[in-house]
Amino acid sequence: MHKYIDKYLFLAVVLFSLFGIIMIYSSSYIWAEYKFNDAFHYVKLQGIFLMIGIVLMIIISKIDYRKYYQYATPIFIFCLILLILVLIPGIGTIRNGSRSWFGIGPLGIQPSEFMKLSLIILTSKYLSNSDKNVKKFLKGILPILFILGIVFFLIMLQPDFGTGMIIVVSVLSLLFIAGANMKFFFLAGIVGVIGIISLIIMAPYRMNRIISFINPWSDPLGTGFQIIQSLYALGPGGIFGLGFLNSRQKHFYLPEPQTDFIFSIISEELGIVGILIVSAFFIFILYCGIKIALNSKNLFAKYLTFGMTFQILIQAVMNLAVVVGLIPVTGYALLLYS
């Protein structure tokens, strides 16, 4: 099998990552200097992840994708075990209210990130083998929904609603691409609404987030604080922004300016130009992913490429929707930060 690296996609990812590191420095150096006495603290961590990521990207690109098909189930089971282990006190660590991390010194690893990819691999294998049954609910869709339900349940025990929703929407997108009956998506929407209502009943703090989403100024110093500060950052950006390093909101106003709300800082400092830069990179990645998927003759490869591409874009869209106040604050970073 002929193997090659799409040099344009590779270059786009590297350039986007470098742009991300630059903006991470701009958005975090004040907080990093205050908390760690090192303005480059977050940049150093991100640089380590970037170097590791590039090396792994090159190594993994040399692996025959059919190996993922062959070992889809063991990979998924391994990631499922990690999801269970992270829930055990003493093994998993709590950050920002969620027991979703394995702490390794100053670094942290989220097993849910591995699960996001492993479930795409497993779903792609399942759909490539069940292509003829995908329009049938019991034989075609129910088995993968059962697995999806287990994964979502474990992630909600952390709890991490944002990651859970990314995984759910990613799998549903693959089912849509595979040609599942549209009635299923209508029913899935109803079940989703009922599920969200149930989650709100079980954890009333989520209702506070809904209220703050509808009217952030009802609790400006509490649940509405993040979105209000984000909008203050977005507002004065204009065409060219306030200038690199000149954000006001990163001066201890906007929470998590280097992760969840880094897009707000980009907009404030670089204006519409910065927004277009970020949008252009994501659109180009989407274009390359769809092009590769459509040119794939192997059904598993086609689904796998679609799934990974959609998952990247789904997380990006959800983050941007939070930043501009289109959906309630959840807690997932734009893919400029690992």
C-alpha atoms as a PDB file:
ATOM      1  CA  MET A   1       0.000   0.000   0.000  1.00  0.00           C
ATOM      2  CA  HIS A   2       1.361   3.397  -0.966  1.00  0.00           C
ATOM      3  CA  LYS A   3       1.897   5.640   2.053  1.00  0.00           C
ATOM      4  CA  TYR A   4       2.393   9.370   1.992  1.00  0.00           C
ATOM      5  CA  ILE A   5       1.909  12.431   4.125  1.00  0.00           C
ATOM      6  CA  ASP A   6      -0.374  15.155   2.831  1.00  0.00           C
ATOM      7  CA  LYS A   7       2.254  17.897   3.005  1.00  0.00           C
ATOM      8  CA  TYR A   8      -0.288  20.704   2.826  1.00  0.00           C
ATOM      9  CA  LEU A   9      -2.334  19.307   5.708  1.00  0.00           C
ATOM     10  CA  PHE A  10       0.822  18.618   7.696  1.00  0.00           C
ATOM     11  CA  LEU A  11       2.088  22.152   7.099  1.00  0.00           C
ATOM     12  CA  ALA A  12      -1.283  23.652   8.040  1.00  0.00           C
ATOM     13  CA  VAL A  13      -1.368  21.718  11.324  1.00  0.00           C
ATOM     14  CA  VAL A  14       2.188  22.741  12.220  1.00  0.00           C
ATOM     15  CA  LEU A  15       1.615  26.407  11.353  1.00  0.00           C
ATOM     16  CA  PHE A  16      -1.678  26.445  13.249  1.00  0.00           C
ATOM     17  CA  SER A  17       0.050  24.910  16.275  1.00  0.00           C
ATOM     18  CA  LEU A  18       2.828  27.519  16.147  1.00  0.00           C
ATOM     19  CA  PHE A  19       0.230  30.279  15.897  1.00  0.00           C
ATOM     20  CA  GLY A  20      -1.446  28.695  18.910  1.00  0.00           C
ATOM     21  CA  ILE A  21       1.765  28.755  20.958  1.00  0.00           C
ATOM     22  CA  ILE A  22       2.265  32.438  20.140  1.00  0.00           C
ATOM     23  CA  MET A  23      -1.267  33.262  21.265  1.00  0.00           C
ATOM     24  CA  ILE A  24      -0.946  31.047  24.340  1.00  0.00           C
ATOM     25  CA  TYR A  25       2.021  33.155  25.406  1.00  0.00           C
ATOM     26  CA  SER A  26       0.116  36.377  24.811  1.00  0.00           C
ATOM     27  CA  SER A  27      -2.960  35.181  26.690  1.00  0.00           C
ATOM     28  CA  SER A  28      -1.174  33.499  29.607  1.00  0.00           C
ATOM     29  CA  TYR A  29       2.055  35.307  30.435  1.00  0.00           C
ATOM     30  CA  ILE A  30       0.481  37.617  33.034  1.00  0.00           C
ATOM     31  CA  TRP A  31      -1.259  34.802  34.905  1.00  0.00           C
ATOM     32  CA  ALA A  32       1.803  32.514  34.519  1.00  0.00           C
ATOM     33  CA  GLU A  33       4.110  35.190  35.917  1.00  0.00           C
ATOM     34  CA  TYR A  34       1.769  35.720  38.870  1.00  0.00           C
ATOM     35  CA  LYS A  35       1.154  32.049  39.655  1.00  0.00           C
ATOM     36  CA  PHE A  36       4.445  30.383  38.699  1.00  0.00           C
ATOM     37  CA  ASN A  37       6.869  33.332  38.536  1.00  0.00           C
ATOM     38  CA  ASP A  38       7.559  32.237  34.964  1.00  0.00           C
ATOM     39  CA  ALA A  39       5.859  34.040  32.072  1.00  0.00           C
ATOM     40  CA  PHE A  40       6.657  31.114  29.753  1.00  0.00           C
ATOM     41  CA  HIS A  41       5.187  28.383  31.989  1.00  0.00           C
ATOM     42  CA  TYR A  42       2.246  27.471  29.748  1.00  0.00           C
ATOM     43  CA  VAL A  43       4.263  28.007  26.568  1.00  0.00           C
ATOM     44  CA  LYS A  44       6.889  25.514  27.748  1.00  0.00           C
ATOM     45  CA  LEU A  45       4.242  22.897  28.514  1.00  0.00           C
ATOM     46  CA  GLN A  46       2.554  23.440  25.178  1.00  0.00           C
ATOM     47  CA  GLY A  47       5.905  23.315  23.403  1.00  0.00           C
ATOM     48  CA  ILE A  48       6.591  19.904  24.945  1.00  0.00           C
ATOM     49  CA  PHE A  49       3.203  18.636  23.776  1.00  0.00           C
ATOM     50  CA  LEU A  50       3.790  20.082  20.317  1.00  0.00           C
ATOM     51  CA  MET A  51       7.156  18.354  19.887  1.00  0.00           C
ATOM     52  CA  ILE A  52       5.756  15.066  21.158  1.00  0.00           C
ATOM     53  CA  GLY A  53       2.725  15.505  18.905  1.00  0.00           C
ATOM     54  CA  ILE A  54       4.772  16.133  15.759  1.00  0.00           C
ATOM     55  CA  VAL A  55       6.974  13.091  16.421  1.00  0.00           C
ATOM     56  CA  LEU A  56       3.945  10.890  17.082  1.00  0.00           C
ATOM     57  CA  MET A  57       2.180  12.295  14.020  1.00  0.00           C
ATOM     58  CA  ILE A  58       5.076  11.276  11.786  1.00  0.00           C
ATOM     59  CA  ILE A  59       5.409   7.832  13.414  1.00  0.00           C
ATOM     60  CA  ILE A  60       1.680   7.087  13.291  1.00  0.00           C
ATOM     61  CA  SER A  61       1.492   8.183   9.650  1.00  0.00           C
ATOM     62  CA  LYS A  62       3.820   5.261   8.851  1.00  0.00           C
ATOM     63  CA  ILE A  63       1.419   2.719  10.364  1.00  0.00           C
ATOM     64  CA  ASP A  64      -0.910   0.918   7.976  1.00  0.00           C
ATOM     65  CA  TYR A  65      -4.408   2.205   8.842  1.00  0.00           C
ATOM     66  CA  ARG A  66      -5.686  -1.359   8.506  1.00  0.00           C
ATOM     67  CA  LYS A  67      -3.910  -2.101  11.792  1.00  0.00           C
ATOM     68  CA  TYR A  68      -6.437   0.147  13.497  1.00  0.00           C
ATOM     69  CA  TYR A  69      -9.202  -1.932  11.950  1.00  0.00           C
ATOM     70  CA  GLN A  70      -7.534  -5.105  13.186  1.00  0.00           C
ATOM     71  CA  TYR A  71      -7.028  -3.860  16.747  1.00  0.00           C
ATOM     72  CA  ALA A  72     -10.080  -1.594  17.076  1.00  0.00           C
ATOM     73  CA  THR A  73     -11.654  -3.641  19.868  1.00  0.00           C
ATOM     74  CA  PRO A  74      -8.504  -4.026  22.046  1.00  0.00           C
ATOM     75  CA  ILE A  75      -7.778  -0.293  21.656  1.00  0.00           C
ATOM     76  CA  PHE A  76     -11.311   0.552  22.748  1.00  0.00           C
ATOM     77  CA  ILE A  77     -11.201  -1.831  25.739  1.00  0.00           C
ATOM     78  CA  PHE A  78      -7.878  -0.333  26.863  1.00  0.00           C
ATOM     79  CA  CYS A  79      -9.313   3.194  26.699  1.00  0.00           C
ATOM     80  CA  LEU A  80     -12.453   2.021  28.516  1.00  0.00           C
ATOM     81  CA  ILE A  81     -10.278   0.667  31.350  1.00  0.00           C
ATOM     82  CA  LEU A  82      -8.520   4.033  31.563  1.00  0.00           C
ATOM     83  CA  LEU A  83     -11.916   5.772  31.829  1.00  0.00           C
ATOM     84  CA  ILE A  84     -12.776   3.522  34.776  1.00  0.00           C
ATOM     85  CA  LEU A  85      -9.388   3.905  36.476  1.00  0.00           C
ATOM     86  CA  VAL A  86      -9.503   7.707  36.362  1.00  0.00           C
ATOM     87  CA  LEU A  87     -12.655   7.621  38.509  1.00  0.00           C
ATOM     88  CA  ILE A  88     -10.799   5.895  41.370  1.00  0.00           C
ATOM     89  CA  PRO A  89      -9.569   8.323  44.073  1.00  0.00           C
ATOM     90  CA  GLY A  90      -5.797   8.201  44.343  1.00  0.00           C
ATOM     91  CA  ILE A  91      -5.425   7.270  40.681  1.00  0.00           C
ATOM     92  CA  GLY A  92      -7.419   9.992  38.952  1.00  0.00           C
ATOM     93  CA  THR A  93      -6.923  13.602  39.993  1.00  0.00           C
ATOM     94  CA  ILE A  94      -9.503  16.379  40.224  1.00  0.00           C
ATOM     95  CA  ARG A  95      -9.036  19.530  38.146  1.00  0.00           C
ATOM     96  CA  ASN A  96     -11.674  22.223  37.778  1.00  0.00           C
ATOM     97  CA  GLY A  97     -14.174  20.040  39.604  1.00  0.00           C
ATOM     98  CA  SER A  98     -13.809  16.953  37.385  1.00  0.00           C
ATOM     99  CA  ARG A  99     -11.987  13.719  38.171  1.00  0.00           C
ATOM    100  CA  SER A 100     -10.863  13.302  34.589  1.00  0.00           C
ATOM    101  CA  TRP A 101      -7.071  13.493  34.731  1.00  0.00           C
ATOM    102  CA  PHE A 102      -4.045  11.301  35.369  1.00  0.00           C
ATOM    103  CA  GLY A 103      -1.507  13.667  36.929  1.00  0.00           C
ATOM    104  CA  ILE A 104       2.123  13.217  35.879  1.00  0.00           C
ATOM    105  CA  GLY A 105       4.137  15.953  37.594  1.00  0.00           C
ATOM    106  CA  PRO A 106       3.076  19.304  36.128  1.00  0.00           C
ATOM    107  CA  LEU A 107       1.532  17.506  33.164  1.00  0.00           C
ATOM    108  CA  GLY A 108      -1.881  15.905  32.954  1.00  0.00           C
ATOM    109  CA  ILE A 109      -3.431  13.311  30.676  1.00  0.00           C
ATOM    110  CA  GLN A 110      -7.159  12.913  30.070  1.00  0.00           C
ATOM    111  CA  PRO A 111      -8.157   9.342  29.156  1.00  0.00           C
ATOM    112  CA  SER A 112     -11.335  10.740  27.607  1.00  0.00           C
ATOM    113  CA  GLU A 113      -9.130  12.222  24.848  1.00  0.00           C
ATOM    114  CA  PHE A 114      -7.949   8.726  23.942  1.00  0.00           C
ATOM    115  CA  MET A 115     -11.522   7.480  24.113  1.00  0.00           C
ATOM    116  CA  LYS A 116     -12.630  10.141  21.629  1.00  0.00           C
ATOM    117  CA  LEU A 117     -10.331   8.630  19.016  1.00  0.00           C
ATOM    118  CA  SER A 118     -10.776   4.967  19.943  1.00  0.00           C
ATOM    119  CA  LEU A 119     -14.562   5.216  19.679  1.00  0.00           C
ATOM    120  CA  ILE A 120     -14.221   6.734  16.196  1.00  0.00           C
ATOM    121  CA  ILE A 121     -12.001   3.797  15.214  1.00  0.00           C
ATOM    122  CA  LEU A 122     -14.451   1.260  16.649  1.00  0.00           C
ATOM    123  CA  THR A 123     -17.486   2.958  15.079  1.00  0.00           C
ATOM    124  CA  SER A 124     -15.736   3.135  11.697  1.00  0.00           C
ATOM    125  CA  LYS A 125     -14.968  -0.567  11.825  1.00  0.00           C
ATOM    126  CA  TYR A 126     -18.526  -1.398  12.866  1.00  0.00           C
ATOM    127  CA  LEU A 127     -20.087   0.714  10.118  1.00  0.00           C
ATOM    128  CA  SER A 128     -17.759  -0.692   7.453  1.00  0.00           C
ATOM    129  CA  ASN A 129     -18.924  -4.191   8.416  1.00  0.00           C
ATOM    130  CA  SER A 130     -22.607  -3.281   8.883  1.00  0.00           C
ATOM    131  CA  ASP A 131     -23.068  -0.922   5.951  1.00  0.00           C
ATOM    132  CA  LYS A 132     -26.129  -2.799   4.671  1.00  0.00           C
ATOM    133  CA  ASN A 133     -27.843  -2.791   8.076  1.00  0.00           C
ATOM    134  CA  VAL A 134     -27.257   0.840   8.981  1.00  0.00           C
ATOM    135  CA  LYS A 135     -30.852   1.793   8.150  1.00  0.00           C
ATOM    136  CA  LYS A 136     -32.134  -0.840  10.587  1.00  0.00           C
ATOM    137  CA  PHE A 137     -32.286   0.308  14.204  1.00  0.00           C
ATOM    138  CA  LEU A 138     -31.937  -3.024  16.041  1.00  0.00           C
ATOM    139  CA  LYS A 139     -29.356  -4.650  13.777  1.00  0.00           C
ATOM    140  CA  GLY A 140     -27.559  -1.568  12.559  1.00  0.00           C
ATOM    141  CA  ILE A 141     -27.600   1.297  15.066  1.00  0.00           C
ATOM    142  CA  LEU A 142     -28.507  -0.069  18.503  1.00  0.00           C
ATOM    143  CA  PRO A 143     -25.209  -1.922  19.173  1.00  0.00           C
ATOM    144  CA  ILE A 144     -23.067   1.166  18.631  1.00  0.00           C
ATOM    145  CA  LEU A 145     -25.527   3.301  20.617  1.00  0.00           C
ATOM    146  CA  PHE A 146     -25.212   0.870  23.514  1.00  0.00           C
ATOM    147  CA  ILE A 147     -21.430   1.279  23.518  1.00  0.00           C
ATOM    148  CA  LEU A 148     -21.794   5.045  23.152  1.00  0.00           C
ATOM    149  CA  GLY A 149     -24.129   5.075  26.158  1.00  0.00           C
ATOM    150  CA  ILE A 150     -21.567   3.266  28.342  1.00  0.00           C
ATOM    151  CA  VAL A 151     -18.828   5.712  27.356  1.00  0.00           C
ATOM    152  CA  PHE A 152     -21.052   8.739  27.927  1.00  0.00           C
ATOM    153  CA  PHE A 153     -22.106   7.401  31.338  1.00  0.00           C
ATOM    154  CA  LEU A 154     -18.485   6.950  32.462  1.00  0.00           C
ATOM    155  CA  ILE A 155     -17.515  10.420  31.265  1.00  0.00           C
ATOM    156  CA  MET A 156     -20.493  11.976  33.049  1.00  0.00           C
ATOM    157  CA  LEU A 157     -19.352  10.325  36.296  1.00  0.00           C
ATOM    158  CA  GLN A 158     -16.239  12.543  36.158  1.00  0.00           C
ATOM    159  CA  PRO A 159     -18.273  14.753  35.235  1.00  0.00           C
ATOM    160  CA  ASP A 160     -17.252  16.171  31.841  1.00  0.00           C
ATOM    161  CA  PHE A 161     -20.369  17.114  29.901  1.00  0.00           C
ATOM    162  CA  GLY A 162     -18.438  18.953  27.175  1.00  0.00           C
ATOM    163  CA  THR A 163     -16.287  15.971  26.191  1.00  0.00           C
ATOM    164  CA  GLY A 164     -19.301  13.681  26.437  1.00  0.00           C
ATOM    165  CA  MET A 165     -21.239  15.839  23.981  1.00  0.00           C
ATOM    166  CA  ILE A 166     -18.304  15.984  21.554  1.00  0.00           C
ATOM    167  CA  ILE A 167     -18.135  12.183  21.533  1.00  0.00           C
ATOM    168  CA  VAL A 168     -21.908  11.790  21.102  1.00  0.00           C
ATOM    169  CA  VAL A 169     -22.152  14.307  18.252  1.00  0.00           C
ATOM    170  CA  SER A 170     -19.091  12.783  16.533  1.00  0.00           C
ATOM    171  CA  VAL A 171     -20.603   9.297  16.530  1.00  0.00           C
ATOM    172  CA  LEU A 172     -23.998  10.614  15.394  1.00  0.00           C
ATOM    173  CA  SER A 173     -22.236  12.434  12.540  1.00  0.00           C
ATOM    174  CA  LEU A 174     -20.693   9.158  11.410  1.00  0.00           C
ATOM    175  CA  LEU A 175     -24.093   7.464  11.525  1.00  0.00           C
ATOM    176  CA  PHE A 176     -25.457  10.290   9.386  1.00  0.00           C
ATOM    177  CA  ILE A 177     -22.646   9.877   6.847  1.00  0.00           C
ATOM    178  CA  ALA A 178     -23.277   6.117   6.816  1.00  0.00           C
ATOM    179  CA  GLY A 179     -26.893   6.751   5.777  1.00  0.00           C
ATOM    180  CA  ALA A 180     -28.879   6.050   8.936  1.00  0.00           C
ATOM    181  CA  ASN A 181     -32.618   6.648   8.704  1.00  0.00           C
ATOM    182  CA  MET A 182     -33.515  10.295   9.367  1.00  0.00           C
ATOM    183  CA  LYS A 183     -36.258   9.183  11.765  1.00  0.00           C
ATOM    184  CA  PHE A 184     -33.498   7.993  14.069  1.00  0.00           C
ATOM    185  CA  PHE A 185     -32.011  11.496  14.355  1.00  0.00           C
ATOM    186  CA  PHE A 186     -35.451  12.921  15.142  1.00  0.00           C
ATOM    187  CA  LEU A 187     -35.853  10.385  17.947  1.00  0.00           C
ATOM    188  CA  ALA A 188     -32.267  11.003  19.067  1.00  0.00           C
ATOM    189  CA  GLY A 189     -33.100  14.696  19.406  1.00  0.00           C
ATOM    190  CA  ILE A 190     -36.069  13.897  21.645  1.00  0.00           C
ATOM    191  CA  VAL A 191     -34.005  11.507  23.765  1.00  0.00           C
ATOM    192  CA  GLY A 192     -31.250  14.132  23.972  1.00  0.00           C
ATOM    193  CA  VAL A 193     -33.634  16.776  25.291  1.00  0.00           C
ATOM    194  CA  ILE A 194     -35.002  14.347  27.881  1.00  0.00           C
ATOM    195  CA  GLY A 195     -31.456  13.389  28.839  1.00  0.00           C
ATOM    196  CA  ILE A 196     -30.352  16.996  29.280  1.00  0.00           C
ATOM    197  CA  ILE A 197     -33.397  17.713  31.450  1.00  0.00           C
ATOM    198  CA  SER A 198     -32.540  14.657  33.557  1.00  0.00           C
ATOM    199  CA  LEU A 199     -28.930  15.796  33.949  1.00  0.00           C
ATOM    200  CA  ILE A 200     -30.137  19.222  35.081  1.00  0.00           C
ATOM    201  CA  ILE A 201     -32.428  17.622  37.665  1.00  0.00           C
ATOM    202  CA  MET A 202     -29.562  15.460  38.978  1.00  0.00           C
ATOM    203  CA  ALA A 203     -27.137  18.396  39.168  1.00  0.00           C
ATOM    204  CA  PRO A 204     -28.954  21.729  39.711  1.00  0.00           C
ATOM    205  CA  TYR A 205     -25.763  23.738  39.070  1.00  0.00           C
ATOM    206  CA  ARG A 206     -26.341  23.037  35.371  1.00  0.00           C
ATOM    207  CA  MET A 207     -29.610  24.982  35.566  1.00  0.00           C
ATOM    208  CA  ASN A 208     -27.606  27.951  36.833  1.00  0.00           C
ATOM    209  CA  ARG A 209     -25.488  27.686  33.706  1.00  0.00           C
ATOM    210  CA  ILE A 210     -28.610  27.648  31.547  1.00  0.00           C
ATOM    211  CA  ILE A 211     -29.938  30.748  33.307  1.00  0.00           C
ATOM    212  CA  SER A 212     -26.606  32.533  32.962  1.00  0.00           C
ATOM    213  CA  PHE A 213     -26.562  31.592  29.278  1.00  0.00           C
ATOM    214  CA  ILE A 214     -29.976  33.175  28.727  1.00  0.00           C
ATOM    215  CA  ASN A 215     -29.136  36.257  30.806  1.00  0.00           C
ATOM    216  CA  PRO A 216     -25.498  36.419  31.991  1.00  0.00           C
ATOM    217  CA  TRP A 217     -26.179  39.698  33.805  1.00  0.00           C
ATOM    218  CA  SER A 218     -28.602  37.959  36.167  1.00  0.00           C
ATOM    219  CA  ASP A 219     -25.501  36.770  38.055  1.00  0.00           C
ATOM    220  CA  PRO A 220     -22.604  38.884  36.732  1.00  0.00           C
ATOM    221  CA  LEU A 221     -20.168  37.892  39.484  1.00  0.00           C
ATOM    222  CA  GLY A 222     -21.134  34.215  39.503  1.00  0.00           C
ATOM    223  CA  THR A 223     -22.326  31.927  36.728  1.00  0.00           C
ATOM    224  CA  GLY A 224     -22.509  34.754  34.189  1.00  0.00           C
ATOM    225  CA  PHE A 225     -19.000  36.060  34.858  1.00  0.00           C
ATOM    226  CA  GLN A 226     -17.152  34.037  32.205  1.00  0.00           C
ATOM    227  CA  ILE A 227     -19.402  34.849  29.260  1.00  0.00           C
ATOM    228  CA  ILE A 228     -19.637  38.540  30.231  1.00  0.00           C
ATOM    229  CA  GLN A 229     -15.836  38.869  30.326  1.00  0.00           C
ATOM    230  CA  SER A 230     -15.605  36.965  27.040  1.00  0.00           C
ATOM    231  CA  LEU A 231     -18.030  39.380  25.384  1.00  0.00           C
ATOM    232  CA  TYR A 232     -16.037  42.319  26.790  1.00  0.00           C
ATOM    233  CA  ALA A 233     -12.992  40.850  25.034  1.00  0.00           C
ATOM    234  CA  LEU A 234     -14.814  40.259  21.748  1.00  0.00           C
ATOM    235  CA  GLY A 235     -16.436  43.675  21.626  1.00  0.00           C
ATOM    236  CA  PRO A 236     -13.539  46.116  21.121  1.00  0.00           C
ATOM    237  CA  GLY A 237     -11.593  43.952  18.654  1.00  0.00           C
ATOM    238  CA  GLY A 238     -12.669  45.686  15.461  1.00  0.00           C
ATOM    239  CA  ILE A 239     -10.847  44.840  12.238  1.00  0.00           C
ATOM    240  CA  PHE A 240      -7.260  44.717  13.498  1.00  0.00           C
ATOM    241  CA  GLY A 241      -7.785  44.415  17.255  1.00  0.00           C
ATOM    242  CA  LEU A 242      -5.973  46.162  20.087  1.00  0.00           C
ATOM    243  CA  GLY A 243      -2.644  44.717  18.996  1.00  0.00           C
ATOM    244  CA  PHE A 244      -0.591  41.671  19.965  1.00  0.00           C
ATOM    245  CA  LEU A 245      -0.012  41.469  23.754  1.00  0.00           C
ATOM    246  CA  ASN A 246      -2.463  44.335  24.329  1.00  0.00           C
ATOM    247  CA  SER A 247      -5.498  42.435  25.611  1.00  0.00           C
ATOM    248  CA  ARG A 248      -7.141  43.946  28.666  1.00  0.00           C
ATOM    249  CA  GLN A 249      -9.267  40.969  29.652  1.00  0.00           C
ATOM    250  CA  LYS A 250      -6.289  38.674  30.282  1.00  0.00           C
ATOM    251  CA  HIS A 251      -5.363  40.913  33.233  1.00  0.00           C
ATOM    252  CA  PHE A 252      -7.188  38.612  35.692  1.00  0.00           C
ATOM    253  CA  TYR A 253     -10.643  39.351  34.264  1.00  0.00           C
ATOM    254  CA  LEU A 254     -11.271  36.498  31.827  1.00  0.00           C
ATOM    255  CA  PRO A 255     -10.971  33.017  33.403  1.00  0.00           C
ATOM    256  CA  GLU A 256      -8.904  30.445  31.488  1.00  0.00           C
ATOM    257  CA  PRO A 257      -7.713  32.916  28.827  1.00  0.00           C
ATOM    258  CA  GLN A 258      -5.123  30.454  27.508  1.00  0.00           C
ATOM    259  CA  THR A 259      -7.510  27.492  27.151  1.00  0.00           C
ATOM    260  CA  ASP A 260     -11.321  27.707  27.023  1.00  0.00           C
ATOM    261  CA  PHE A 261     -11.408  31.408  26.117  1.00  0.00           C
ATOM    262  CA  ILE A 262      -8.255  31.856  24.061  1.00  0.00           C
ATOM    263  CA  PHE A 263     -10.406  32.751  21.040  1.00  0.00           C
ATOM    264  CA  SER A 264     -11.662  35.777  22.987  1.00  0.00           C
ATOM    265  CA  ILE A 265      -8.084  36.985  23.432  1.00  0.00           C
ATOM    266  CA  ILE A 266      -7.317  36.371  19.746  1.00  0.00           C
ATOM    267  CA  SER A 267     -10.356  38.427  18.785  1.00  0.00           C
ATOM    268  CA  GLU A 268      -9.475  41.206  21.235  1.00  0.00           C
ATOM    269  CA  GLU A 269      -5.837  41.480  20.131  1.00  0.00           C
ATOM    270  CA  LEU A 270      -6.068  40.645  16.415  1.00  0.00           C
ATOM    271  CA  GLY A 271      -9.687  41.573  15.688  1.00  0.00           C
ATOM    272  CA  ILE A 272     -11.499  40.222  12.646  1.00  0.00           C
ATOM    273  CA  VAL A 273      -8.120  39.406  11.088  1.00  0.00           C
ATOM    274  CA  GLY A 274      -7.434  36.955  13.934  1.00  0.00           C
ATOM    275  CA  ILE A 275     -10.893  35.444  13.603  1.00  0.00           C
ATOM    276  CA  LEU A 276     -10.302  34.906   9.880  1.00  0.00           C
ATOM    277  CA  ILE A 277      -6.905  33.296  10.540  1.00  0.00           C
ATOM    278  CA  VAL A 278      -8.409  30.772  12.967  1.00  0.00           C
ATOM    279  CA  SER A 279     -11.408  30.133  10.688  1.00  0.00           C
ATOM    280  CA  ALA A 280      -9.197  29.667   7.626  1.00  0.00           C
ATOM    281  CA  PHE A 281      -7.074  27.011   9.328  1.00  0.00           C
ATOM    282  CA  PHE A 282     -10.113  25.038  10.489  1.00  0.00           C
ATOM    283  CA  ILE A 283     -11.804  25.300   7.088  1.00  0.00           C
ATOM    284  CA  PHE A 284      -8.631  24.107   5.353  1.00  0.00           C
ATOM    285  CA  ILE A 285      -8.339  21.144   7.729  1.00  0.00           C
ATOM    286  CA  LEU A 286     -11.994  20.324   7.031  1.00  0.00           C
ATOM    287  CA  TYR A 287     -11.382  20.568   3.277  1.00  0.00           C
ATOM    288  CA  CYS A 288      -8.340  18.276   3.432  1.00  0.00           C
ATOM    289  CA  GLY A 289     -10.139  15.755   5.624  1.00  0.00           C
ATOM    290  CA  ILE A 290     -13.194  15.556   3.366  1.00  0.00           C
ATOM    291  CA  LYS A 291     -10.994  15.324   0.282  1.00  0.00           C
ATOM    292  CA  ILE A 292      -8.994  12.435   1.753  1.00  0.00           C
ATOM    293  CA  ALA A 293     -12.181  10.671   2.876  1.00  0.00           C
ATOM    294  CA  LEU A 294     -13.864  10.975  -0.517  1.00  0.00           C
ATOM    295  CA  ASN A 295     -10.743   9.671  -2.283  1.00  0.00           C
ATOM    296  CA  SER A 296     -10.503   6.646   0.045  1.00  0.00           C
ATOM    297  CA  LYS A 297     -11.538   3.433  -1.644  1.00  0.00           C
ATOM    298  CA  ASN A 298     -11.587   1.480   1.604  1.00  0.00           C
ATOM    299  CA  LEU A 299     -14.852   1.956   3.528  1.00  0.00           C
ATOM    300  CA  PHE A 300     -13.160   1.793   6.942  1.00  0.00           C
ATOM    301  CA  ALA A 301     -10.627   4.447   5.903  1.00  0.00           C
ATOM    302  CA  LYS A 302     -13.447   6.637   4.609  1.00  0.00           C
ATOM    303  CA  TYR A 303     -15.396   6.498   7.869  1.00  0.00           C
ATOM    304  CA  LEU A 304     -12.244   6.888   9.959  1.00  0.00           C
ATOM    305  CA  THR A 305     -11.199  10.043   8.107  1.00  0.00           C
ATOM    306  CA  PHE A 306     -14.671  11.549   8.245  1.00  0.00           C
ATOM    307  CA  GLY A 307     -14.919  10.759  11.965  1.00  0.00           C
ATOM    308  CA  MET A 308     -11.583  12.302  12.939  1.00  0.00           C
ATOM    309  CA  THR A 309     -12.186  15.375  10.792  1.00  0.00           C
ATOM    310  CA  PHE A 310     -15.685  15.947  12.137  1.00  0.00           C
ATOM    311  CA  GLN A 311     -14.503  15.483  15.718  1.00  0.00           C
ATOM    312  CA  ILE A 312     -11.913  18.254  15.321  1.00  0.00           C
ATOM    313  CA  LEU A 313     -14.476  20.609  13.806  1.00  0.00           C
ATOM    314  CA  ILE A 314     -17.210  19.729  16.301  1.00  0.00           C
ATOM    315  CA  GLN A 315     -14.957  20.607  19.250  1.00  0.00           C
ATOM    316  CA  ALA A 316     -13.874  23.833  17.556  1.00  0.00           C
ATOM    317  CA  VAL A 317     -17.441  24.883  16.752  1.00  0.00           C
ATOM    318  CA  MET A 318     -18.632  24.103  20.280  1.00  0.00           C
ATOM    319  CA  ASN A 319     -15.815  26.131  21.814  1.00  0.00           C
ATOM    320  CA  LEU A 320     -16.472  29.112  19.542  1.00  0.00           C
ATOM    321  CA  ALA A 321     -20.200  28.869  20.277  1.00  0.00           C
ATOM    322  CA  VAL A 322     -19.464  29.094  24.020  1.00  0.00           C
ATOM    323  CA  VAL A 323     -17.091  32.027  23.585  1.00  0.00           C
ATOM    324  CA  VAL A 324     -19.639  34.118  21.663  1.00  0.00           C
ATOM    325  CA  GLY A 325     -22.528  33.098  23.934  1.00  0.00           C
ATOM    326  CA  LEU A 326     -24.475  30.827  21.577  1.00  0.00           C
ATOM    327  CA  ILE A 327     -24.465  27.853  23.972  1.00  0.00           C
ATOM    328  CA  PRO A 328     -23.930  27.572  27.746  1.00  0.00           C
ATOM    329  CA  VAL A 329     -20.406  27.408  29.150  1.00  0.00           C
ATOM    330  CA  THR A 330     -19.240  23.805  29.337  1.00  0.00           C
ATOM    331  CA  GLY A 331     -15.474  23.537  29.530  1.00  0.00           C
ATOM    332  CA  TYR A 332     -13.522  22.426  26.478  1.00  0.00           C
ATOM    333  CA  ALA A 333     -10.582  24.235  24.981  1.00  0.00           C
ATOM    334  CA  LEU A 334     -10.136  25.424  21.429  1.00  0.00           C
ATOM    335  CA  LEU A 335      -7.715  23.096  19.662  1.00  0.00           C
ATOM    336  CA  LEU A 336      -4.875  25.595  19.975  1.00  0.00           C
ATOM    337  CA  TYR A 337      -4.220  24.237  23.448  1.00  0.00           C
ATOM    338  CA  SER A 338      -3.608  20.609  24.444  1.00  0.00           C
END
